[in-house]
Amino acid sequence: IRTTYENVVATGLFDDVFVVTDSELIF
């Protein structure tokens, strides 16, 4: 999940990037 998040941020295409989760571990 951290790899996915950081790769999406690295595209530079978005004003903001969020993970939405039901898990405190992932949060």
PDB file of all heavy atoms in Angstrom:
ATOM      1  N   ILE A   1       0.825  -1.210   0.000  1.00  0.00           N
ATOM      2  CA  ILE A   1       0.000   0.000   0.000  1.00  0.00           C
ATOM      3  C   ILE A   1       0.861   1.263   0.000  1.00  0.00           C
ATOM      4  O   ILE A   1       0.537   2.246  -0.673  1.00  0.00           O
ATOM      5  CB  ILE A   1      -1.010   0.006   1.179  1.00  0.00           C
ATOM      6  CG1 ILE A   1      -1.988   1.169   1.043  1.00  0.00           C
ATOM      7  CG2 ILE A   1      -0.302   0.048   2.524  1.00  0.00           C
ATOM      8  CD1 ILE A   1      -2.813   1.167  -0.230  1.00  0.00           C
ATOM      9  N   ARG A   2       1.972   1.243   0.716  1.00  0.00           N
ATOM     10  CA  ARG A   2       2.845   2.416   0.702  1.00  0.00           C
ATOM     11  C   ARG A   2       3.469   2.604  -0.691  1.00  0.00           C
ATOM     12  O   ARG A   2       3.598   3.740  -1.176  1.00  0.00           O
ATOM     13  CB  ARG A   2       3.939   2.272   1.759  1.00  0.00           C
ATOM     14  CG  ARG A   2       4.854   3.498   1.858  1.00  0.00           C
ATOM     15  CD  ARG A   2       5.954   3.283   2.879  1.00  0.00           C
ATOM     16  NE  ARG A   2       7.041   4.236   2.691  1.00  0.00           N
ATOM     17  CZ  ARG A   2       8.279   4.061   3.123  1.00  0.00           C
ATOM     18  NH1 ARG A   2       8.607   2.957   3.781  1.00  0.00           N
ATOM     19  NH2 ARG A   2       9.206   4.979   2.906  1.00  0.00           N
ATOM     20  N   THR A   3       3.835   1.503  -1.344  1.00  0.00           N
ATOM     21  CA  THR A   3       4.382   1.580  -2.698  1.00  0.00           C
ATOM     22  C   THR A   3       3.363   2.194  -3.652  1.00  0.00           C
ATOM     23  O   THR A   3       3.691   3.096  -4.437  1.00  0.00           O
ATOM     24  CB  THR A   3       4.780   0.180  -3.205  1.00  0.00           C
ATOM     25  OG1 THR A   3       5.725  -0.393  -2.301  1.00  0.00           O
ATOM     26  CG2 THR A   3       5.386   0.250  -4.602  1.00  0.00           C
ATOM     27  N   THR A   4       2.120   1.719  -3.579  1.00  0.00           N
ATOM     28  CA  THR A   4       1.069   2.257  -4.447  1.00  0.00           C
ATOM     29  C   THR A   4       0.876   3.740  -4.194  1.00  0.00           C
ATOM     30  O   THR A   4       0.848   4.559  -5.125  1.00  0.00           O
ATOM     31  CB  THR A   4      -0.253   1.512  -4.222  1.00  0.00           C
ATOM     32  OG1 THR A   4      -0.066   0.111  -4.442  1.00  0.00           O
ATOM     33  CG2 THR A   4      -1.335   2.020  -5.163  1.00  0.00           C
ATOM     34  N   TYR A   5       0.753   4.110  -2.916  1.00  0.00           N
ATOM     35  CA  TYR A   5       0.516   5.513  -2.564  1.00  0.00           C
ATOM     36  C   TYR A   5       1.642   6.411  -3.080  1.00  0.00           C
ATOM     37  O   TYR A   5       1.381   7.429  -3.745  1.00  0.00           O
ATOM     38  CB  TYR A   5       0.386   5.655  -1.041  1.00  0.00           C
ATOM     39  CG  TYR A   5       0.173   7.089  -0.587  1.00  0.00           C
ATOM     40  CD1 TYR A   5      -1.093   7.647  -0.576  1.00  0.00           C
ATOM     41  CD2 TYR A   5       1.258   7.883  -0.192  1.00  0.00           C
ATOM     42  CE1 TYR A   5      -1.291   8.964  -0.179  1.00  0.00           C
ATOM     43  CE2 TYR A   5       1.071   9.201   0.206  1.00  0.00           C
ATOM     44  CZ  TYR A   5      -0.208   9.723   0.211  1.00  0.00           C
ATOM     45  OH  TYR A   5      -0.397  11.036   0.588  1.00  0.00           O
ATOM     46  N   GLU A   6       2.869   6.034  -2.805  1.00  0.00           N
ATOM     47  CA  GLU A   6       3.992   6.892  -3.181  1.00  0.00           C
ATOM     48  C   GLU A   6       4.170   6.964  -4.697  1.00  0.00           C
ATOM     49  O   GLU A   6       4.571   8.006  -5.232  1.00  0.00           O
ATOM     50  CB  GLU A   6       5.266   6.398  -2.496  1.00  0.00           C
ATOM     51  CG  GLU A   6       5.221   6.612  -0.982  1.00  0.00           C
ATOM     52  CD  GLU A   6       6.497   6.192  -0.264  1.00  0.00           C
ATOM     53  OE1 GLU A   6       7.414   5.655  -0.919  1.00  0.00           O
ATOM     54  OE2 GLU A   6       6.560   6.388   0.965  1.00  0.00           O
ATOM     55  N   ASN A   7       3.840   5.886  -5.412  1.00  0.00           N
ATOM     56  CA  ASN A   7       3.926   5.917  -6.869  1.00  0.00           C
ATOM     57  C   ASN A   7       2.861   6.822  -7.478  1.00  0.00           C
ATOM     58  O   ASN A   7       3.114   7.510  -8.480  1.00  0.00           O
ATOM     59  CB  ASN A   7       3.817   4.504  -7.447  1.00  0.00           C
ATOM     60  CG  ASN A   7       5.091   3.703  -7.267  1.00  0.00           C
ATOM     61  OD1 ASN A   7       6.134   4.243  -6.899  1.00  0.00           O
ATOM     62  ND2 ASN A   7       5.020   2.403  -7.508  1.00  0.00           N
ATOM     63  N   VAL A   8       1.664   6.848  -6.885  1.00  0.00           N
ATOM     64  CA  VAL A   8       0.608   7.744  -7.374  1.00  0.00           C
ATOM     65  C   VAL A   8       1.004   9.203  -7.122  1.00  0.00           C
ATOM     66  O   VAL A   8       0.871  10.062  -7.995  1.00  0.00           O
ATOM     67  CB  VAL A   8      -0.745   7.421  -6.717  1.00  0.00           C
ATOM     68  CG1 VAL A   8      -1.795   8.459  -7.113  1.00  0.00           C
ATOM     69  CG2 VAL A   8      -1.216   6.034  -7.108  1.00  0.00           C
ATOM     70  N   VAL A   9       1.516   9.485  -5.924  1.00  0.00           N
ATOM     71  CA  VAL A   9       1.984  10.851  -5.613  1.00  0.00           C
ATOM     72  C   VAL A   9       3.077  11.272  -6.594  1.00  0.00           C
ATOM     73  O   VAL A   9       3.090  12.404  -7.096  1.00  0.00           O
ATOM     74  CB  VAL A   9       2.500  10.931  -4.160  1.00  0.00           C
ATOM     75  CG1 VAL A   9       3.189  12.272  -3.910  1.00  0.00           C
ATOM     76  CG2 VAL A   9       1.347  10.733  -3.167  1.00  0.00           C
ATOM     77  N   ALA A  10       3.989  10.345  -6.908  1.00  0.00           N
ATOM     78  CA  ALA A  10       5.144  10.660  -7.755  1.00  0.00           C
ATOM     79  C   ALA A  10       4.767  11.000  -9.189  1.00  0.00           C
ATOM     80  O   ALA A  10       5.568  11.599  -9.917  1.00  0.00           O
ATOM     81  CB  ALA A  10       6.134   9.496  -7.742  1.00  0.00           C
ATOM     82  N   THR A  11       3.540  10.658  -9.623  1.00  0.00           N
ATOM     83  CA  THR A  11       3.135  11.014 -10.985  1.00  0.00           C
ATOM     84  C   THR A  11       3.026  12.527 -11.152  1.00  0.00           C
ATOM     85  O   THR A  11       3.145  13.044 -12.271  1.00  0.00           O
ATOM     86  CB  THR A  11       1.772  10.391 -11.353  1.00  0.00           C
ATOM     87  OG1 THR A  11       0.736  10.965 -10.541  1.00  0.00           O
ATOM     88  CG2 THR A  11       1.812   8.880 -11.209  1.00  0.00           C
ATOM     89  N   GLY A  12       2.766  13.252 -10.054  1.00  0.00           N
ATOM     90  CA  GLY A  12       2.617  14.699 -10.123  1.00  0.00           C
ATOM     91  C   GLY A  12       1.348  15.156 -10.824  1.00  0.00           C
ATOM     92  O   GLY A  12       1.235  16.336 -11.187  1.00  0.00           O
ATOM     93  N   LEU A  13       0.376  14.268 -10.997  1.00  0.00           N
ATOM     94  CA  LEU A  13      -0.845  14.588 -11.748  1.00  0.00           C
ATOM     95  C   LEU A  13      -1.969  15.145 -10.871  1.00  0.00           C
ATOM     96  O   LEU A  13      -2.957  15.657 -11.401  1.00  0.00           O
ATOM     97  CB  LEU A  13      -1.361  13.325 -12.454  1.00  0.00           C
ATOM     98  CG  LEU A  13      -0.469  12.746 -13.556  1.00  0.00           C
ATOM     99  CD1 LEU A  13      -0.992  11.381 -13.988  1.00  0.00           C
ATOM    100  CD2 LEU A  13      -0.411  13.700 -14.741  1.00  0.00           C
ATOM    101  N   PHE A  14      -1.799  15.042  -9.533  1.00  0.00           N
ATOM    102  CA  PHE A  14      -2.935  15.296  -8.649  1.00  0.00           C
ATOM    103  C   PHE A  14      -2.663  16.417  -7.657  1.00  0.00           C
ATOM    104  O   PHE A  14      -1.536  16.603  -7.197  1.00  0.00           O
ATOM    105  CB  PHE A  14      -3.291  14.011  -7.892  1.00  0.00           C
ATOM    106  CG  PHE A  14      -3.575  12.858  -8.810  1.00  0.00           C
ATOM    107  CD1 PHE A  14      -2.607  11.896  -9.053  1.00  0.00           C
ATOM    108  CD2 PHE A  14      -4.785  12.758  -9.466  1.00  0.00           C
ATOM    109  CE1 PHE A  14      -2.845  10.850  -9.928  1.00  0.00           C
ATOM    110  CE2 PHE A  14      -5.037  11.714 -10.338  1.00  0.00           C
ATOM    111  CZ  PHE A  14      -4.069  10.757 -10.572  1.00  0.00           C
ATOM    112  N   ASP A  15      -3.736  17.132  -7.328  1.00  0.00           N
ATOM    113  CA  ASP A  15      -3.648  18.164  -6.296  1.00  0.00           C
ATOM    114  C   ASP A  15      -3.533  17.541  -4.912  1.00  0.00           C
ATOM    115  O   ASP A  15      -2.989  18.154  -3.991  1.00  0.00           O
ATOM    116  CB  ASP A  15      -4.879  19.076  -6.359  1.00  0.00           C
ATOM    117  CG  ASP A  15      -4.938  19.844  -7.671  1.00  0.00           C
ATOM    118  OD1 ASP A  15      -4.133  20.784  -7.833  1.00  0.00           O
ATOM    119  OD2 ASP A  15      -5.770  19.510  -8.535  1.00  0.00           O
ATOM    120  N   ASP A  16      -4.063  16.325  -4.751  1.00  0.00           N
ATOM    121  CA  ASP A  16      -3.974  15.611  -3.475  1.00  0.00           C
ATOM    122  C   ASP A  16      -4.158  14.127  -3.727  1.00  0.00           C
ATOM    123  O   ASP A  16      -4.823  13.728  -4.705  1.00  0.00           O
ATOM    124  CB  ASP A  16      -5.058  16.099  -2.505  1.00  0.00           C
ATOM    125  CG  ASP A  16      -4.468  16.715  -1.235  1.00  0.00           C
ATOM    126  OD1 ASP A  16      -3.359  16.291  -0.843  1.00  0.00           O
ATOM    127  OD2 ASP A  16      -5.097  17.614  -0.654  1.00  0.00           O
ATOM    128  N   VAL A  17      -3.592  13.305  -2.845  1.00  0.00           N
ATOM    129  CA  VAL A  17      -3.744  11.852  -2.918  1.00  0.00           C
ATOM    130  C   VAL A  17      -4.083  11.342  -1.520  1.00  0.00           C
ATOM    131  O   VAL A  17      -3.423  11.714  -0.544  1.00  0.00           O
ATOM    132  CB  VAL A  17      -2.451  11.159  -3.415  1.00  0.00           C
ATOM    133  CG1 VAL A  17      -2.647   9.646  -3.486  1.00  0.00           C
ATOM    134  CG2 VAL A  17      -2.036  11.711  -4.782  1.00  0.00           C
ATOM    135  N   PHE A  18      -5.113  10.491  -1.427  1.00  0.00           N
ATOM    136  CA  PHE A  18      -5.561   9.937  -0.154  1.00  0.00           C
ATOM    137  C   PHE A  18      -5.694   8.421  -0.257  1.00  0.00           C
ATOM    138  O   PHE A  18      -6.100   7.898  -1.301  1.00  0.00           O
ATOM    139  CB  PHE A  18      -6.941  10.484   0.241  1.00  0.00           C
ATOM    140  CG  PHE A  18      -7.025  11.977   0.362  1.00  0.00           C
ATOM    141  CD1 PHE A  18      -7.358  12.760  -0.730  1.00  0.00           C
ATOM    142  CD2 PHE A  18      -6.783  12.611   1.578  1.00  0.00           C
ATOM    143  CE1 PHE A  18      -7.443  14.139  -0.631  1.00  0.00           C
ATOM    144  CE2 PHE A  18      -6.867  13.990   1.693  1.00  0.00           C
ATOM    145  CZ  PHE A  18      -7.194  14.747   0.585  1.00  0.00           C
ATOM    146  N   VAL A  19      -5.398   7.726   0.837  1.00  0.00           N
ATOM    147  CA  VAL A  19      -5.798   6.332   1.007  1.00  0.00           C
ATOM    148  C   VAL A  19      -7.056   6.336   1.878  1.00  0.00           C
ATOM    149  O   VAL A  19      -7.098   7.006   2.907  1.00  0.00           O
ATOM    150  CB  VAL A  19      -4.693   5.507   1.694  1.00  0.00           C
ATOM    151  CG1 VAL A  19      -5.229   4.142   2.135  1.00  0.00           C
ATOM    152  CG2 VAL A  19      -3.514   5.326   0.757  1.00  0.00           C
ATOM    153  N   VAL A  20      -8.094   5.615   1.455  1.00  0.00           N
ATOM    154  CA  VAL A  20      -9.288   5.462   2.288  1.00  0.00           C
ATOM    155  C   VAL A  20      -9.390   3.991   2.675  1.00  0.00           C
ATOM    156  O   VAL A  20      -9.349   3.106   1.820  1.00  0.00           O
ATOM    157  CB  VAL A  20     -10.564   5.962   1.579  1.00  0.00           C
ATOM    158  CG1 VAL A  20     -10.792   5.262   0.247  1.00  0.00           C
ATOM    159  CG2 VAL A  20     -11.773   5.797   2.487  1.00  0.00           C
ATOM    160  N   THR A  21      -9.468   3.736   3.976  1.00  0.00           N
ATOM    161  CA  THR A  21      -9.340   2.369   4.468  1.00  0.00           C
ATOM    162  C   THR A  21     -10.246   2.098   5.661  1.00  0.00           C
ATOM    163  O   THR A  21     -10.656   3.023   6.370  1.00  0.00           O
ATOM    164  CB  THR A  21      -7.869   2.086   4.862  1.00  0.00           C
ATOM    165  OG1 THR A  21      -7.736   0.720   5.280  1.00  0.00           O
ATOM    166  CG2 THR A  21      -7.397   3.008   5.979  1.00  0.00           C
ATOM    167  N   ASP A  22     -10.524   0.814   5.873  1.00  0.00           N
ATOM    168  CA  ASP A  22     -11.265   0.377   7.052  1.00  0.00           C
ATOM    169  C   ASP A  22     -10.322  -0.202   8.107  1.00  0.00           C
ATOM    170  O   ASP A  22     -10.754  -0.745   9.116  1.00  0.00           O
ATOM    171  CB  ASP A  22     -12.302  -0.678   6.665  1.00  0.00           C
ATOM    172  CG  ASP A  22     -11.685  -1.907   5.992  1.00  0.00           C
ATOM    173  OD1 ASP A  22     -10.449  -1.923   5.764  1.00  0.00           O
ATOM    174  OD2 ASP A  22     -12.424  -2.849   5.686  1.00  0.00           O
ATOM    175  N   SER A  23      -9.010  -0.071   7.870  1.00  0.00           N
ATOM    176  CA  SER A  23      -8.008  -0.711   8.719  1.00  0.00           C
ATOM    177  C   SER A  23      -7.113   0.319   9.402  1.00  0.00           C
ATOM    178  O   SER A  23      -6.501   1.152   8.729  1.00  0.00           O
ATOM    179  CB  SER A  23      -7.145  -1.657   7.874  1.00  0.00           C
ATOM    180  OG  SER A  23      -5.963  -2.023   8.551  1.00  0.00           O
ATOM    181  N   GLU A  24      -7.014   0.221  10.733  1.00  0.00           N
ATOM    182  CA  GLU A  24      -6.095   1.108  11.452  1.00  0.00           C
ATOM    183  C   GLU A  24      -4.638   0.819  11.084  1.00  0.00           C
ATOM    184  O   GLU A  24      -3.799   1.727  11.074  1.00  0.00           O
ATOM    185  CB  GLU A  24      -6.303   0.965  12.966  1.00  0.00           C
ATOM    186  CG  GLU A  24      -7.633   1.535  13.452  1.00  0.00           C
ATOM    187  CD  GLU A  24      -7.783   1.484  14.960  1.00  0.00           C
ATOM    188  OE1 GLU A  24      -6.793   1.114  15.630  1.00  0.00           O
ATOM    189  OE2 GLU A  24      -8.879   1.803  15.465  1.00  0.00           O
ATOM    190  N   LEU A  25      -4.335  -0.452  10.781  1.00  0.00           N
ATOM    191  CA  LEU A  25      -2.968  -0.809  10.381  1.00  0.00           C
ATOM    192  C   LEU A  25      -2.566  -0.062   9.106  1.00  0.00           C
ATOM    193  O   LEU A  25      -1.471   0.505   9.018  1.00  0.00           O
ATOM    194  CB  LEU A  25      -2.865  -2.319  10.142  1.00  0.00           C
ATOM    195  CG  LEU A  25      -2.718  -3.225  11.357  1.00  0.00           C
ATOM    196  CD1 LEU A  25      -2.778  -4.684  10.918  1.00  0.00           C
ATOM    197  CD2 LEU A  25      -1.399  -2.959  12.075  1.00  0.00           C
ATOM    198  N   ILE A  26      -3.447  -0.071   8.123  1.00  0.00           N
ATOM    199  CA  ILE A  26      -3.166   0.606   6.860  1.00  0.00           C
ATOM    200  C   ILE A  26      -3.141   2.116   7.063  1.00  0.00           C
ATOM    201  O   ILE A  26      -2.252   2.818   6.550  1.00  0.00           O
ATOM    202  CB  ILE A  26      -4.196   0.200   5.790  1.00  0.00           C
ATOM    203  CG1 ILE A  26      -4.009  -1.279   5.426  1.00  0.00           C
ATOM    204  CG2 ILE A  26      -4.080   1.089   4.556  1.00  0.00           C
ATOM    205  CD1 ILE A  26      -5.059  -1.845   4.499  1.00  0.00           C
ATOM    206  N   PHE A  27      -4.096   2.631   7.835  1.00  0.00           N
ATOM    207  CA  PHE A  27      -4.137   4.069   8.132  1.00  0.00           C
ATOM    208  C   PHE A  27      -2.808   4.512   8.748  1.00  0.00           C
ATOM    209  O   PHE A  27      -2.186   5.488   8.314  1.00  0.00           O
ATOM    210  CB  PHE A  27      -5.295   4.363   9.084  1.00  0.00           C
ATOM    211  CG  PHE A  27      -5.440   5.818   9.448  1.00  0.00           C
ATOM    212  CD1 PHE A  27      -6.273   6.658   8.736  1.00  0.00           C
ATOM    213  CD2 PHE A  27      -4.736   6.352  10.524  1.00  0.00           C
ATOM    214  CE1 PHE A  27      -6.407   8.005   9.074  1.00  0.00           C
ATOM    215  CE2 PHE A  27      -4.851   7.689  10.877  1.00  0.00           C
ATOM    216  CZ  PHE A  27      -5.696   8.514  10.143  1.00  0.00           C
TER     217      PHE A  27
END
